[in-house]
Amino acid sequence: MEASNRRPNIVLINCDDLGYGDLSCYGSIQHDTPAIDQMAAEGVRFTDFYTASPVCSPSRAAMLTGSYPLRIGFGGRRIDNAPVLFPGQAHGLHPDEITIARLLQDSGYATRLVGKWHCGDQPEFLPTRHGFDGWFGLPYSNDMGRQVFSEVEQSYSEIMTALGTPLPDDAPMLSERPPLPLMMDDEVISEQPDQAILTERYTNDAVQFLRDHRNQPFFLYLAHMYVHLPIYVQSQFLNKSRNGRYGAAVHCIDWSTGLIMRELIDLGLDGHTVVVFTSDNGALTREGGGSNGALRASKGTTWEGGQRVPCIIRWPDRIPGGQVLATVTNAMDLYPTLATWGGVDVPTDRTLDGRDLGPLLESGCPPDEQPFLYILGGNIEAVRLGRWKLHVRKWNSEQIRLYDLVADVGERYDLAGDCPDVVGQLLSIVEAARAELGDDATDIAGSAVRPVGQVMDPTTLTTYDENTPYFMAEYDLADRG
């Protein structure tokens, strides 16, 4: 079938912990990202694009289902108070959830995930059960395996806490640090793979998928390992970095993006392929690490630095290039947008929280304004409507703070006392959302939520064997990059 006579191909590139200020097209002076910058110049760059959570598991699940994490059971007490899913946990994305991959697969698309999943590692929750024909990658974060830390002797719990990912209380099976599993479909093909070359392996696999399916519509979800800690990276990127390992990892992402874009051109598919580039949450900011630009705070918070991320969409055949859009949008919007472009109807038997961005991107018609909720764990912590953002929680207490994000993107000046009507309007939105989605802090169950997936007797994909010679690269915990 000629490319011009078929539905568009879709490539969704999702980075791990890449911050709002980490790309040169978003203002970075530490990192050069020419391939991504060119993609932005030829497509649409969003300035106010959000993930549905400031941590990875709920963020990814929400993007794939078009629904807030709390709506699909990801958060707080529903997954044993763990902020993200850990190896061997009983929970995951429910088999009844309909991902964007499932929608496209059922309509004839070839589908593949390359990279990180992190929506459950039990057999019932793996990508091949959620609409992907095949998968090559890691079931969870790259820090959830075994590590060697130079001149450091710490418990696994202490190491994970230092890396920003504390263990849940219900994970005793992790005391032996199970080796990191590299998966091909449903099988473990390697334990403790060399992470420094993994992005190159991902990119090669992605390119081969493009070549193998050039004559049919395809959906490729490339979920990078970078720039999640710990960072292992090849010297060819490290030698060119102005920001240590972190900058080298950003450079590697740009290299991978450029290779994929060139392959689409070589295959004659460039104009007819939608490419989306984004990140699962904000950067974990630290010296020698990531940047969220002028935004406040970082990953793991509901300040802007935790959830506002880069997003670029390019489709030469349909979307005018050179656009910079300040419309408030989010990763859940990708679900109905990609479904519509793929000629697929979204499910009508469940509530979705995303909006179709096609009219905005193709003809400049903005969608109706609607609130965006900031959710961390089991709590709704803030809401944005237009220029206004209301925070309703601070740590473990209620504290109302109001910010004008157009005038004060760094969230420095609390205007709650000056704008009581705005506060009242946004509080009513939060109260309605808590009633619908639930909220642990206020002990509300939620009237319109779907169950999280759960199995009995979960097990880890790998088990530590002291007699096995695992590949173990050294990582210095003091190296913040």
Protein backbone atom coordinates (compact mmCIF):
# COMPACT_ATOMS: atom_id res chain seq x y z
CA MET A 1 0.00 0.00 0.00
CA GLU A 2 1.34 3.44 -0.91
CA ALA A 3 2.16 5.58 2.14
CA SER A 4 -0.05 8.41 0.86
CA ASN A 5 -3.11 6.14 0.78
CA ARG A 6 -2.94 4.79 4.29
CA ARG A 7 -3.37 5.97 7.83
CA PRO A 8 -0.38 7.80 9.34
CA ASN A 9 2.42 6.05 11.10
CA ILE A 10 2.96 7.11 14.72
CA VAL A 11 6.23 7.31 16.66
CA LEU A 12 5.93 8.27 20.32
CA ILE A 13 9.26 9.04 22.01
CA ASN A 14 9.02 9.28 25.79
CA CYS A 15 12.12 10.16 27.83
CA ASP A 16 12.67 9.33 31.48
CA ASP A 17 13.06 12.32 33.84
CA LEU A 18 14.03 14.75 31.05
CA GLY A 19 13.40 18.27 32.35
CA TYR A 20 11.70 21.31 30.87
CA GLY A 21 15.05 23.10 30.57
CA ASP A 22 17.15 20.21 29.23
CA LEU A 23 16.76 20.85 25.49
CA SER A 24 18.33 23.75 23.63
CA CYS A 25 15.01 24.52 21.93
CA TYR A 26 13.62 25.04 25.45
CA GLY A 27 16.48 27.30 26.46
CA SER A 28 19.23 24.97 27.66
CA ILE A 29 22.76 26.36 27.47
CA GLN A 30 24.31 23.15 28.81
CA HIS A 31 23.05 20.73 26.16
CA ASP A 32 23.10 20.87 22.37
CA THR A 33 20.15 19.00 20.86
CA PRO A 34 20.19 19.78 17.13
CA ALA A 35 18.01 16.88 15.98
CA ILE A 36 15.27 17.62 18.50
CA ASP A 37 15.57 21.36 17.79
CA GLN A 38 15.03 20.68 14.08
CA MET A 39 11.99 18.58 14.92
CA ALA A 40 10.61 21.51 16.93
CA ALA A 41 11.30 23.98 14.12
CA GLU A 42 9.44 21.75 11.66
CA GLY A 43 6.56 20.94 14.00
CA VAL A 44 4.82 22.27 17.09
CA ARG A 45 6.56 23.04 20.38
CA PHE A 46 4.33 23.26 23.46
CA THR A 47 5.22 25.59 26.31
CA ASP A 48 2.49 24.45 28.75
CA PHE A 49 2.39 20.67 28.38
CA TYR A 50 1.98 18.47 31.45
CA THR A 51 2.32 14.88 32.51
CA ALA A 52 -0.44 13.41 34.67
CA SER A 53 1.96 12.67 37.54
CA PRO A 54 5.44 13.78 38.65
CA VAL A 55 6.64 10.16 38.88
CA CYS A 56 6.88 7.47 36.25
CA SER A 57 4.39 4.60 36.74
CA PRO A 58 1.23 6.73 37.08
CA SER A 59 2.48 9.14 34.43
CA ARG A 60 3.00 6.39 31.87
CA ALA A 61 -0.24 4.58 32.68
CA ALA A 62 -2.19 7.82 32.29
CA MET A 63 -0.63 8.64 28.93
CA LEU A 64 -1.35 5.17 27.57
CA THR A 65 -4.99 5.15 28.74
CA GLY A 66 -5.93 8.83 28.41
CA SER A 67 -7.11 8.81 32.03
CA TYR A 68 -5.93 10.36 35.27
CA PRO A 69 -3.86 7.96 37.41
CA LEU A 70 -6.44 7.94 40.20
CA ARG A 71 -9.15 7.02 37.71
CA ILE A 72 -7.30 3.82 36.78
CA GLY A 73 -6.27 2.92 40.31
CA PHE A 74 -2.69 4.19 40.21
CA GLY A 75 -2.03 6.05 43.41
CA GLY A 76 -1.73 5.98 47.17
CA ARG A 77 -3.45 3.22 49.07
CA ARG A 78 -4.58 1.50 45.89
CA ILE A 79 -1.01 0.35 45.20
CA ASP A 80 0.21 -0.03 48.78
CA ASN A 81 1.30 3.60 49.07
CA ALA A 82 4.17 3.08 46.64
CA PRO A 83 4.78 6.18 44.47
CA VAL A 84 5.80 3.89 41.59
CA LEU A 85 5.64 0.16 40.92
CA PHE A 86 8.54 -2.00 42.12
CA PRO A 87 9.82 -5.42 41.02
CA GLY A 88 7.52 -8.21 42.10
CA GLN A 89 4.62 -6.06 43.26
CA ALA A 90 1.15 -7.46 42.83
CA HIS A 91 -0.27 -4.43 41.03
CA GLY A 92 -0.22 -3.17 37.47
CA LEU A 93 -2.29 -1.79 34.62
CA HIS A 94 -5.57 -3.68 34.68
CA PRO A 95 -6.05 -6.12 31.77
CA ASP A 96 -9.39 -4.45 30.98
CA GLU A 97 -7.79 -1.07 30.35
CA ILE A 98 -7.70 -0.17 26.65
CA THR A 99 -4.38 1.45 25.80
CA ILE A 100 -3.73 3.54 22.71
CA ALA A 101 -1.61 0.61 21.52
CA ARG A 102 -4.57 -1.74 21.85
CA LEU A 103 -6.84 0.61 19.91
CA LEU A 104 -4.35 0.89 17.07
CA GLN A 105 -3.45 -2.80 17.11
CA ASP A 106 -7.10 -3.84 16.87
CA SER A 107 -7.52 -1.58 13.84
CA GLY A 108 -4.59 -3.08 11.92
CA TYR A 109 -1.55 -1.16 13.10
CA ALA A 110 1.73 -2.96 13.75
CA THR A 111 2.70 -2.01 17.29
CA ARG A 112 5.94 -2.21 19.27
CA LEU A 113 7.32 -0.95 22.55
CA VAL A 114 11.05 -0.38 22.75
CA GLY A 115 12.29 0.59 26.20
CA LYS A 116 10.80 1.09 29.63
CA TRP A 117 7.31 -0.17 30.54
CA HIS A 118 6.80 0.36 34.31
CA CYS A 119 3.09 -0.45 34.42
CA GLY A 120 3.49 -3.80 36.20
CA ASP A 121 5.91 -6.70 35.82
CA GLN A 122 3.57 -9.65 36.39
CA PRO A 123 2.61 -11.62 33.24
CA GLU A 124 -0.93 -10.20 33.21
CA PHE A 125 0.37 -6.63 33.02
CA LEU A 126 3.18 -6.83 30.46
CA PRO A 127 3.10 -4.78 27.21
CA THR A 128 2.18 -7.79 25.05
CA ARG A 129 -1.05 -8.01 27.06
CA HIS A 130 -1.78 -4.34 26.44
CA GLY A 131 -1.73 -3.99 22.68
CA PHE A 132 1.92 -4.31 21.71
CA ASP A 133 2.80 -7.00 19.17
CA GLY A 134 6.32 -7.06 20.55
CA TRP A 135 8.53 -5.51 23.20
CA PHE A 136 12.24 -5.07 23.81
CA GLY A 137 13.23 -3.29 26.98
CA LEU A 138 13.10 -2.99 30.76
CA PRO A 139 9.99 -3.68 32.84
CA TYR A 140 10.74 -0.84 35.27
CA SER A 141 13.35 1.80 36.11
CA ASN A 142 17.02 1.12 35.47
CA ASP A 143 17.91 1.72 39.14
CA MET A 144 15.78 -1.22 40.29
CA GLY A 145 18.48 -3.80 39.66
CA ARG A 146 21.89 -4.41 41.12
CA GLN A 147 24.49 -1.64 41.25
CA VAL A 148 28.11 -1.30 42.29
CA PHE A 149 28.83 1.95 44.11
CA SER A 150 32.49 2.92 44.44
CA GLU A 151 33.71 3.32 48.00
CA VAL A 152 30.14 3.01 49.28
CA GLU A 153 28.69 0.12 51.28
CA GLN A 154 25.00 0.72 51.85
CA SER A 155 21.81 -1.26 52.09
CA TYR A 156 19.65 -1.40 49.00
CA SER A 157 17.03 0.71 50.75
CA GLU A 158 19.61 3.43 51.50
CA ILE A 159 20.92 3.37 47.95
CA MET A 160 17.45 3.67 46.42
CA THR A 161 16.51 6.49 48.80
CA ALA A 162 19.70 8.35 47.83
CA LEU A 163 18.73 7.98 44.16
CA GLY A 164 15.31 9.47 44.86
CA THR A 165 13.27 6.24 44.73
CA PRO A 166 12.58 4.90 48.24
CA LEU A 167 11.30 1.35 48.51
CA PRO A 168 7.70 0.65 49.52
CA ASP A 169 7.19 -1.02 52.87
CA ASP A 170 5.69 -4.12 51.23
CA ALA A 171 8.73 -5.03 49.13
CA PRO A 172 10.78 -7.44 51.25
CA MET A 173 11.53 -9.45 48.13
CA LEU A 174 13.88 -6.66 47.06
CA SER A 175 16.29 -7.12 49.93
CA GLU A 176 18.43 -9.34 47.69
CA ARG A 177 18.44 -6.81 44.83
CA PRO A 178 17.11 -8.94 41.94
CA PRO A 179 19.14 -8.43 38.75
CA LEU A 180 17.72 -5.98 36.23
CA PRO A 181 15.85 -7.98 33.55
CA LEU A 182 16.08 -7.10 29.87
CA MET A 183 12.97 -8.45 28.15
CA MET A 184 12.07 -9.60 24.67
CA ASP A 185 8.30 -9.92 24.60
CA ASP A 186 7.48 -11.98 27.71
CA GLU A 187 10.92 -13.52 28.25
CA VAL A 188 13.97 -12.36 30.16
CA ILE A 189 16.84 -12.46 27.66
CA SER A 190 19.53 -10.87 29.83
CA GLU A 191 20.13 -10.07 33.49
CA GLN A 192 22.02 -6.90 34.42
CA PRO A 193 22.62 -5.76 30.81
CA ASP A 194 25.29 -3.17 30.05
CA GLN A 195 23.27 0.03 30.37
CA ALA A 196 25.88 2.13 28.58
CA ILE A 197 25.03 0.47 25.25
CA LEU A 198 21.32 -0.10 25.87
CA THR A 199 20.11 3.09 24.16
CA GLU A 200 22.04 2.10 21.04
CA ARG A 201 20.38 -1.33 21.17
CA TYR A 202 16.98 0.32 21.61
CA THR A 203 17.57 2.58 18.63
CA ASN A 204 18.70 -0.27 16.41
CA ASP A 205 15.60 -2.27 17.36
CA ALA A 206 13.36 0.73 16.66
CA VAL A 207 14.94 1.33 13.25
CA GLN A 208 14.54 -2.33 12.32
CA PHE A 209 10.85 -2.13 13.27
CA LEU A 210 10.41 0.87 10.95
CA ARG A 211 12.05 -1.04 8.11
CA ASP A 212 10.06 -4.22 8.70
CA HIS A 213 6.72 -2.39 8.67
CA ARG A 214 7.28 0.29 6.07
CA ASN A 215 4.37 -1.04 4.01
CA GLN A 216 1.71 -0.91 6.71
CA PRO A 217 0.68 1.63 9.35
CA PHE A 218 2.73 1.27 12.52
CA PHE A 219 2.84 2.58 16.08
CA LEU A 220 6.27 2.68 17.71
CA TYR A 221 6.51 3.62 21.36
CA LEU A 222 10.17 4.34 22.17
CA ALA A 223 10.50 4.81 25.92
CA HIS A 224 14.06 5.85 26.68
CA MET A 225 16.00 4.80 29.77
CA TYR A 226 17.74 8.17 29.87
CA VAL A 227 18.07 10.42 31.84
CA HIS A 228 16.96 8.38 34.86
CA LEU A 229 19.67 7.76 37.46
CA PRO A 230 22.05 6.04 37.62
CA ILE A 231 23.47 7.09 34.26
CA TYR A 232 25.88 4.83 32.40
CA VAL A 233 26.83 6.26 29.01
CA GLN A 234 29.33 5.62 26.24
CA SER A 235 32.54 7.67 26.11
CA GLN A 236 31.71 8.99 22.62
CA PHE A 237 28.90 11.02 24.21
CA LEU A 238 30.64 11.71 27.50
CA ASN A 239 33.66 13.23 25.77
CA LYS A 240 31.46 15.85 24.10
CA SER A 241 29.37 16.69 27.16
CA ARG A 242 29.50 20.00 29.02
CA ASN A 243 27.39 18.53 31.82
CA GLY A 244 28.97 15.23 32.76
CA ARG A 245 27.05 11.98 32.42
CA TYR A 246 23.73 13.76 32.38
CA GLY A 247 24.65 15.92 29.41
CA ALA A 248 26.05 12.86 27.64
CA ALA A 249 22.72 11.05 28.12
CA VAL A 250 20.82 14.03 26.68
CA HIS A 251 23.19 14.01 23.72
CA CYS A 252 22.52 10.30 23.24
CA ILE A 253 18.75 10.92 23.20
CA ASP A 254 19.27 13.56 20.53
CA TRP A 255 21.47 11.19 18.52
CA SER A 256 18.78 8.51 18.70
CA THR A 257 16.06 10.96 17.65
CA GLY A 258 18.09 12.11 14.68
CA LEU A 259 18.73 8.54 13.56
CA ILE A 260 15.01 7.72 13.65
CA MET A 261 14.08 10.89 11.78
CA ARG A 262 16.66 10.14 9.08
CA GLU A 263 15.41 6.58 8.76
CA LEU A 264 11.87 7.84 8.16
CA ILE A 265 13.20 10.05 5.38
CA ASP A 266 15.19 7.20 3.83
CA LEU A 267 12.10 4.97 3.88
CA GLY A 268 9.97 7.67 2.23
CA LEU A 269 7.72 7.85 5.30
CA ASP A 270 8.76 11.18 6.78
CA GLY A 271 5.81 13.32 5.68
CA HIS A 272 3.27 10.67 6.57
CA THR A 273 4.53 9.93 10.07
CA VAL A 274 3.45 11.63 13.28
CA VAL A 275 6.37 11.94 15.69
CA VAL A 276 5.77 12.96 19.30
CA PHE A 277 8.66 13.75 21.65
CA THR A 278 8.09 14.24 25.38
CA SER A 279 9.12 13.16 28.91
CA ASP A 280 7.36 11.22 31.66
CA ASN A 281 7.94 13.90 34.35
CA GLY A 282 10.28 16.74 35.24
CA ALA A 283 13.98 16.44 35.92
CA LEU A 284 15.40 15.39 39.26
CA THR A 285 17.40 18.58 39.65
CA ARG A 286 20.81 18.44 41.31
CA GLU A 287 24.32 19.67 40.66
CA GLY A 288 25.56 18.22 37.40
CA GLY A 289 22.08 16.97 36.64
CA GLY A 290 18.91 18.09 34.95
CA SER A 291 17.19 21.44 34.57
CA ASN A 292 13.57 22.49 34.71
CA GLY A 293 14.44 25.98 33.53
CA ALA A 294 12.58 28.74 35.36
CA LEU A 295 10.08 26.29 36.84
CA ARG A 296 9.94 25.63 40.57
CA ALA A 297 11.20 22.37 42.10
CA SER A 298 11.57 19.01 40.38
CA LYS A 299 10.41 15.45 39.82
CA GLY A 300 8.30 14.05 42.63
CA THR A 301 6.50 17.34 43.34
CA THR A 302 3.37 19.01 42.00
CA TRP A 303 5.18 22.29 41.49
CA GLU A 304 5.60 23.14 37.83
CA GLY A 305 9.06 21.56 37.69
CA GLY A 306 7.56 18.19 38.53
CA GLN A 307 4.95 17.99 35.79
CA ARG A 308 5.50 20.60 33.06
CA VAL A 309 7.70 18.93 30.44
CA PRO A 310 8.88 19.36 26.86
CA CYS A 311 6.54 18.22 24.11
CA ILE A 312 7.04 18.45 20.37
CA ILE A 313 4.73 17.07 17.69
CA ARG A 314 5.72 16.90 14.03
CA TRP A 315 3.66 15.71 11.06
CA PRO A 316 4.68 17.45 7.83
CA ASP A 317 1.68 16.27 5.80
CA ARG A 318 -0.90 17.74 8.20
CA ILE A 319 0.57 20.05 10.85
CA PRO A 320 2.01 23.45 9.91
CA GLY A 321 5.56 23.75 11.19
CA GLY A 322 7.18 26.47 13.25
CA GLN A 323 4.38 26.71 15.80
CA VAL A 324 4.93 27.50 19.49
CA LEU A 325 1.72 26.91 21.47
CA ALA A 326 0.97 28.07 25.00
CA THR A 327 -2.35 26.21 25.18
CA VAL A 328 -2.57 24.15 28.37
CA THR A 329 -2.28 20.54 27.23
CA ASN A 330 -1.26 17.24 28.78
CA ALA A 331 -0.09 13.72 27.98
CA MET A 332 -3.60 12.28 28.34
CA ASP A 333 -4.59 14.39 25.31
CA LEU A 334 -2.34 12.21 23.16
CA TYR A 335 -4.75 9.27 23.50
CA PRO A 336 -7.77 10.74 21.65
CA THR A 337 -5.53 12.77 19.34
CA LEU A 338 -3.56 9.78 18.07
CA ALA A 339 -6.68 7.62 17.96
CA THR A 340 -8.46 10.15 15.73
CA TRP A 341 -5.47 10.50 13.44
CA GLY A 342 -5.28 6.71 13.25
CA GLY A 343 -8.94 6.49 12.23
CA VAL A 344 -10.00 4.79 15.45
CA ASP A 345 -12.92 5.63 17.72
CA VAL A 346 -12.09 6.00 21.40
CA PRO A 347 -13.97 3.79 23.88
CA THR A 348 -17.37 5.07 24.96
CA ASP A 349 -17.85 2.67 27.88
CA ARG A 350 -15.42 4.52 30.17
CA THR A 351 -14.47 8.06 31.12
CA LEU A 352 -11.41 9.52 29.42
CA ASP A 353 -9.69 12.71 30.57
CA GLY A 354 -7.82 13.69 27.41
CA ARG A 355 -8.97 15.94 24.58
CA ASP A 356 -8.41 15.66 20.83
CA LEU A 357 -5.75 18.23 19.91
CA GLY A 358 -6.12 17.71 16.17
CA PRO A 359 -8.14 20.89 15.50
CA LEU A 360 -5.65 22.95 17.51
CA LEU A 361 -2.61 21.55 15.75
CA GLU A 362 -4.00 21.46 12.22
CA SER A 363 -6.06 24.63 12.05
CA GLY A 364 -5.38 26.61 15.23
CA CYS A 365 -8.77 25.99 16.84
CA PRO A 366 -8.14 25.71 20.60
CA PRO A 367 -10.09 23.11 22.59
CA ASP A 368 -12.54 24.18 25.23
CA GLU A 369 -10.73 25.19 28.39
CA GLN A 370 -10.85 22.62 31.15
CA PRO A 371 -9.09 22.23 34.49
CA PHE A 372 -5.90 20.22 34.81
CA LEU A 373 -5.36 18.33 38.06
CA TYR A 374 -1.93 17.78 39.62
CA ILE A 375 -1.88 14.39 41.35
CA LEU A 376 0.84 12.86 43.51
CA GLY A 377 0.32 9.41 44.98
CA GLY A 378 -3.28 9.24 46.16
CA ASN A 379 -3.82 12.97 46.49
CA ILE A 380 -5.06 15.80 44.31
CA GLU A 381 -2.59 18.52 45.28
CA ALA A 382 -3.26 21.34 42.82
CA VAL A 383 -5.37 22.46 39.86
CA ARG A 384 -4.75 24.76 36.91
CA LEU A 385 -7.42 26.62 34.97
CA GLY A 386 -6.22 29.12 32.40
CA ARG A 387 -3.51 31.27 33.92
CA TRP A 388 -4.35 30.32 37.51
CA LYS A 389 -2.93 27.48 39.59
CA LEU A 390 -4.22 26.66 43.06
CA HIS A 391 -2.18 24.47 45.42
CA VAL A 392 -4.32 22.81 48.09
CA ARG A 393 -1.72 20.69 49.89
CA LYS A 394 1.67 21.27 51.47
CA TRP A 395 3.33 18.12 52.75
CA ASN A 396 0.74 16.57 55.08
CA SER A 397 -1.52 19.58 55.61
CA GLU A 398 -3.94 21.73 53.70
CA GLN A 399 -2.50 25.07 52.65
CA ILE A 400 -4.10 27.21 49.97
CA ARG A 401 -1.75 29.05 47.60
CA LEU A 402 -2.65 30.72 44.32
CA TYR A 403 -0.27 31.57 41.48
CA ASP A 404 -0.63 33.38 38.16
CA LEU A 405 1.44 31.13 35.92
CA VAL A 406 1.46 33.57 33.02
CA ALA A 407 3.09 36.31 35.11
CA ASP A 408 4.86 34.03 37.61
CA VAL A 409 5.91 30.71 36.10
CA GLY A 410 8.29 30.14 39.02
CA GLU A 411 5.39 30.09 41.52
CA ARG A 412 6.96 32.68 43.83
CA TYR A 413 4.13 35.06 44.63
CA ASP A 414 1.08 33.72 46.44
CA LEU A 415 -2.03 35.68 45.40
CA ALA A 416 -4.60 33.71 47.38
CA GLY A 417 -5.37 36.63 49.67
CA ASP A 418 -5.81 39.01 46.73
CA CYS A 419 -8.13 36.84 44.60
CA PRO A 420 -10.74 35.15 46.81
CA ASP A 421 -13.16 34.62 43.93
CA VAL A 422 -10.55 32.72 41.91
CA VAL A 423 -9.66 30.66 44.97
CA GLY A 424 -13.31 29.79 45.51
CA GLN A 425 -13.80 28.77 41.89
CA LEU A 426 -10.76 26.50 41.88
CA LEU A 427 -11.56 25.00 45.27
CA SER A 428 -14.94 23.92 43.97
CA ILE A 429 -13.19 22.20 41.04
CA VAL A 430 -10.88 20.36 43.44
CA GLU A 431 -13.79 19.26 45.63
CA ALA A 432 -15.68 17.90 42.62
CA ALA A 433 -12.55 16.12 41.38
CA ARG A 434 -11.96 14.52 44.79
CA ALA A 435 -15.51 13.22 44.80
CA GLU A 436 -15.04 11.72 41.34
CA LEU A 437 -11.44 10.44 41.49
CA GLY A 438 -10.87 9.98 45.20
CA ASP A 439 -8.29 11.51 47.49
CA ASP A 440 -6.37 9.83 50.31
CA ALA A 441 -5.79 13.03 52.28
CA THR A 442 -9.49 13.67 52.62
CA ASP A 443 -10.37 9.96 52.81
CA ILE A 444 -12.62 10.04 49.74
CA ALA A 445 -12.93 6.83 47.70
CA GLY A 446 -14.07 8.37 44.39
CA SER A 447 -17.27 7.63 42.49
CA ALA A 448 -15.83 7.17 38.97
CA VAL A 449 -12.70 5.07 39.28
CA ARG A 450 -11.67 1.82 37.67
CA PRO A 451 -9.76 -0.93 39.49
CA VAL A 452 -6.02 -1.30 39.37
CA GLY A 453 -4.81 -4.71 38.22
CA GLN A 454 -3.86 -7.14 40.99
CA VAL A 455 -2.62 -10.72 41.10
CA MET A 456 -2.15 -13.25 43.86
CA ASP A 457 1.33 -14.51 44.76
CA PRO A 458 3.43 -12.13 42.66
CA THR A 459 7.06 -12.96 41.93
CA THR A 460 10.06 -11.09 40.60
CA LEU A 461 11.20 -11.70 37.04
CA THR A 462 14.72 -12.48 38.21
CA THR A 463 16.29 -13.83 41.39
CA TYR A 464 19.76 -13.01 42.65
CA ASP A 465 22.23 -15.89 42.44
CA GLU A 466 25.55 -15.28 44.16
CA ASN A 467 27.21 -17.74 41.79
CA THR A 468 26.17 -15.91 38.62
CA PRO A 469 28.76 -13.51 37.09
CA TYR A 470 26.45 -10.56 36.39
CA PHE A 471 27.68 -7.59 34.41
CA MET A 472 28.29 -4.97 37.12
CA ALA A 473 29.45 -1.49 36.12
CA GLU A 474 30.66 0.82 38.85
CA TYR A 475 28.68 3.95 39.62
CA ASP A 476 29.84 6.67 41.98
CA LEU A 477 26.92 7.86 44.09
CA ALA A 478 28.71 11.15 44.59
CA ASP A 479 28.56 11.79 40.83
CA ARG A 480 25.27 13.66 40.58
CA GLY A 481 25.12 13.14 36.81
